[in-house]
Amino acid sequence: MEKEILRMLDECKMRYHLKALMPEKPFIVAFDNGCEIMRVALGRRVELAIVSEEDQEADFIIKGSPLCIQELLSGKEKLSVLSRRQEVNVTGTYRGLLFIESILTLCRVHNSEPVVI
């Protein structure tokens, strides 16, 4: 799970225009795949990074199987769809769900094909 989260954070850092979506106060998201829990801090004035459990309490929690969390982080599945199908459990506000889904969608893995001219 750490590999997928770091990839998502790297994508987020490369897309400088996403900084405008970030809240002023750090928004902490916890991903729980049943084996481990990882927390991510998202915000304008913080380094987008994995944070320890002692630092802050999570604002939004996503619980699911390792496969569902991996598909979510890679962008193969949307958070709202997985939640509706009850494959993941979310704890937090609807606004938080929309924010996290936006970030995950905009930072998904893109398969680009070369252009032949």
C-alpha atoms as a PDB file:
ATOM      1  CA  MET A   1       0.000   0.000   0.000  1.00  0.00           C
ATOM      2  CA  GLU A   2       2.869   2.388   0.748  1.00  0.00           C
ATOM      3  CA  LYS A   3       4.099   2.137  -2.846  1.00  0.00           C
ATOM      4  CA  GLU A   4       0.682   3.140  -4.252  1.00  0.00           C
ATOM      5  CA  ILE A   5       0.316   6.027  -1.796  1.00  0.00           C
ATOM      6  CA  LEU A   6       3.782   7.376  -2.611  1.00  0.00           C
ATOM      7  CA  ARG A   7       3.012   7.142  -6.341  1.00  0.00           C
ATOM      8  CA  MET A   8      -0.238   9.046  -5.819  1.00  0.00           C
ATOM      9  CA  LEU A   9       1.542  11.721  -3.758  1.00  0.00           C
ATOM     10  CA  ASP A  10       4.253  12.092  -6.423  1.00  0.00           C
ATOM     11  CA  GLU A  11       1.568  12.563  -9.086  1.00  0.00           C
ATOM     12  CA  CYS A  12      -0.122  15.133  -6.883  1.00  0.00           C
ATOM     13  CA  LYS A  13       3.132  17.052  -6.380  1.00  0.00           C
ATOM     14  CA  MET A  14       3.829  17.080 -10.141  1.00  0.00           C
ATOM     15  CA  ARG A  15       0.434  18.607 -10.867  1.00  0.00           C
ATOM     16  CA  TYR A  16       1.037  22.067  -9.432  1.00  0.00           C
ATOM     17  CA  HIS A  17      -2.512  23.184 -10.336  1.00  0.00           C
ATOM     18  CA  LEU A  18      -3.890  20.819  -7.659  1.00  0.00           C
ATOM     19  CA  LYS A  19      -2.441  23.112  -4.983  1.00  0.00           C
ATOM     20  CA  ALA A  20      -5.526  25.319  -5.482  1.00  0.00           C
ATOM     21  CA  LEU A  21      -7.776  22.399  -4.410  1.00  0.00           C
ATOM     22  CA  MET A  22      -5.875  21.826  -1.187  1.00  0.00           C
ATOM     23  CA  PRO A  23      -7.291  23.186   2.075  1.00  0.00           C
ATOM     24  CA  GLU A  24      -5.380  25.685   4.214  1.00  0.00           C
ATOM     25  CA  LYS A  25      -5.435  23.389   7.241  1.00  0.00           C
ATOM     26  CA  PRO A  26      -3.933  19.913   6.596  1.00  0.00           C
ATOM     27  CA  PHE A  27      -6.569  17.311   5.742  1.00  0.00           C
ATOM     28  CA  ILE A  28      -5.533  13.897   7.080  1.00  0.00           C
ATOM     29  CA  VAL A  29      -6.756  10.806   5.222  1.00  0.00           C
ATOM     30  CA  ALA A  30      -6.269   7.316   6.674  1.00  0.00           C
ATOM     31  CA  PHE A  31      -6.174   4.297   4.367  1.00  0.00           C
ATOM     32  CA  ASP A  32      -6.864   1.014   6.190  1.00  0.00           C
ATOM     33  CA  ASN A  33      -6.487  -2.202   4.183  1.00  0.00           C
ATOM     34  CA  GLY A  34      -6.950  -4.529   7.150  1.00  0.00           C
ATOM     35  CA  CYS A  35      -3.209  -5.211   7.435  1.00  0.00           C
ATOM     36  CA  GLU A  36      -1.900  -1.691   7.904  1.00  0.00           C
ATOM     37  CA  ILE A  37      -3.101   1.866   8.299  1.00  0.00           C
ATOM     38  CA  MET A  38      -1.360   4.730   6.523  1.00  0.00           C
ATOM     39  CA  ARG A  39      -2.171   8.403   6.989  1.00  0.00           C
ATOM     40  CA  VAL A  40      -1.613  11.065   4.367  1.00  0.00           C
ATOM     41  CA  ALA A  41      -1.541  14.838   4.943  1.00  0.00           C
ATOM     42  CA  LEU A  42      -2.981  16.986   2.152  1.00  0.00           C
ATOM     43  CA  GLY A  43      -2.853  20.759   2.330  1.00  0.00           C
ATOM     44  CA  ARG A  44      -1.473  23.947   0.819  1.00  0.00           C
ATOM     45  CA  ARG A  45       1.016  24.679   3.543  1.00  0.00           C
ATOM     46  CA  VAL A  46       2.211  21.153   4.297  1.00  0.00           C
ATOM     47  CA  GLU A  47       4.414  18.698   2.475  1.00  0.00           C
ATOM     48  CA  LEU A  48       2.152  16.124   0.845  1.00  0.00           C
ATOM     49  CA  ALA A  49       3.403  13.089   2.708  1.00  0.00           C
ATOM     50  CA  ILE A  50       2.672  10.052   4.831  1.00  0.00           C
ATOM     51  CA  VAL A  51       2.347  11.068   8.483  1.00  0.00           C
ATOM     52  CA  SER A  52       2.596   9.023  11.665  1.00  0.00           C
ATOM     53  CA  GLU A  53      -0.428   8.117  13.754  1.00  0.00           C
ATOM     54  CA  GLU A  54       0.795  10.202  16.685  1.00  0.00           C
ATOM     55  CA  ASP A  55       0.902  13.448  14.679  1.00  0.00           C
ATOM     56  CA  GLN A  56      -2.792  14.081  14.083  1.00  0.00           C
ATOM     57  CA  GLU A  57      -6.158  12.373  14.077  1.00  0.00           C
ATOM     58  CA  ALA A  58      -7.578  11.460  10.664  1.00  0.00           C
ATOM     59  CA  ASP A  59     -10.275  13.695   9.150  1.00  0.00           C
ATOM     60  CA  PHE A  60     -11.353  10.957   6.725  1.00  0.00           C
ATOM     61  CA  ILE A  61     -10.946   7.163   6.973  1.00  0.00           C
ATOM     62  CA  ILE A  62     -11.167   4.670   4.123  1.00  0.00           C
ATOM     63  CA  LYS A  63     -11.326   0.977   5.105  1.00  0.00           C
ATOM     64  CA  GLY A  64     -11.343  -1.886   2.643  1.00  0.00           C
ATOM     65  CA  SER A  65      -9.594  -4.988   1.418  1.00  0.00           C
ATOM     66  CA  PRO A  66      -6.029  -4.658   0.121  1.00  0.00           C
ATOM     67  CA  LEU A  67      -7.267  -5.159  -3.460  1.00  0.00           C
ATOM     68  CA  CYS A  68      -9.957  -2.461  -3.171  1.00  0.00           C
ATOM     69  CA  ILE A  69      -7.526   0.031  -1.622  1.00  0.00           C
ATOM     70  CA  GLN A  70      -4.987  -0.706  -4.360  1.00  0.00           C
ATOM     71  CA  GLU A  71      -7.597  -0.194  -7.103  1.00  0.00           C
ATOM     72  CA  LEU A  72      -8.697   3.034  -5.442  1.00  0.00           C
ATOM     73  CA  LEU A  73      -5.158   4.421  -5.174  1.00  0.00           C
ATOM     74  CA  SER A  74      -4.305   3.486  -8.757  1.00  0.00           C
ATOM     75  CA  GLY A  75      -7.473   5.143 -10.053  1.00  0.00           C
ATOM     76  CA  LYS A  76      -9.048   1.986 -11.473  1.00  0.00           C
ATOM     77  CA  GLU A  77     -12.083   2.456  -9.224  1.00  0.00           C
ATOM     78  CA  LYS A  78     -13.740   5.574  -7.823  1.00  0.00           C
ATOM     79  CA  LEU A  79     -14.274   6.022  -4.106  1.00  0.00           C
ATOM     80  CA  SER A  80     -17.990   6.750  -4.432  1.00  0.00           C
ATOM     81  CA  VAL A  81     -18.529   3.612  -6.543  1.00  0.00           C
ATOM     82  CA  LEU A  82     -16.642   1.379  -4.104  1.00  0.00           C
ATOM     83  CA  SER A  83     -18.562   2.938  -1.219  1.00  0.00           C
ATOM     84  CA  ARG A  84     -21.919   2.453  -2.940  1.00  0.00           C
ATOM     85  CA  ARG A  85     -21.065  -1.225  -3.594  1.00  0.00           C
ATOM     86  CA  GLN A  86     -20.018  -1.463   0.077  1.00  0.00           C
ATOM     87  CA  GLU A  87     -16.543  -2.677  -0.870  1.00  0.00           C
ATOM     88  CA  VAL A  88     -14.996   0.106   1.215  1.00  0.00           C
ATOM     89  CA  ASN A  89     -16.191   1.814   4.369  1.00  0.00           C
ATOM     90  CA  VAL A  90     -15.739   5.549   4.640  1.00  0.00           C
ATOM     91  CA  THR A  91     -15.857   7.676   7.771  1.00  0.00           C
ATOM     92  CA  GLY A  92     -16.016  11.408   7.308  1.00  0.00           C
ATOM     93  CA  THR A  93     -18.046  14.107   5.646  1.00  0.00           C
ATOM     94  CA  TYR A  94     -19.549  14.066   2.171  1.00  0.00           C
ATOM     95  CA  ARG A  95     -17.404  17.089   1.340  1.00  0.00           C
ATOM     96  CA  GLY A  96     -14.345  15.063   2.405  1.00  0.00           C
ATOM     97  CA  LEU A  97     -15.419  12.201   0.159  1.00  0.00           C
ATOM     98  CA  LEU A  98     -15.711  14.550  -2.820  1.00  0.00           C
ATOM     99  CA  PHE A  99     -12.323  16.111  -2.071  1.00  0.00           C
ATOM    100  CA  ILE A 100     -10.521  12.775  -1.759  1.00  0.00           C
ATOM    101  CA  GLU A 101     -12.244  11.368  -4.840  1.00  0.00           C
ATOM    102  CA  SER A 102     -11.183  14.446  -6.824  1.00  0.00           C
ATOM    103  CA  ILE A 103      -7.552  14.112  -5.755  1.00  0.00           C
ATOM    104  CA  LEU A 104      -7.478  10.359  -6.431  1.00  0.00           C
ATOM    105  CA  THR A 105      -9.112  10.800  -9.840  1.00  0.00           C
ATOM    106  CA  LEU A 106      -6.774  13.594 -10.911  1.00  0.00           C
ATOM    107  CA  CYS A 107      -3.716  11.632  -9.729  1.00  0.00           C
ATOM    108  CA  ARG A 108      -4.631   8.262 -11.205  1.00  0.00           C
ATOM    109  CA  VAL A 109      -2.263   6.204 -13.353  1.00  0.00           C
ATOM    110  CA  HIS A 110      -2.415   7.280 -16.971  1.00  0.00           C
ATOM    111  CA  ASN A 111      -1.568   4.901 -19.760  1.00  0.00           C
ATOM    112  CA  SER A 112      -0.391   7.140 -22.535  1.00  0.00           C
ATOM    113  CA  GLU A 113       0.172   5.938 -26.049  1.00  0.00           C
ATOM    114  CA  PRO A 114       2.828   7.494 -28.240  1.00  0.00           C
ATOM    115  CA  VAL A 115       1.678   9.809 -30.978  1.00  0.00           C
ATOM    116  CA  VAL A 116       2.950   9.011 -34.455  1.00  0.00           C
ATOM    117  CA  ILE A 117       3.141  11.929 -36.862  1.00  0.00           C
END
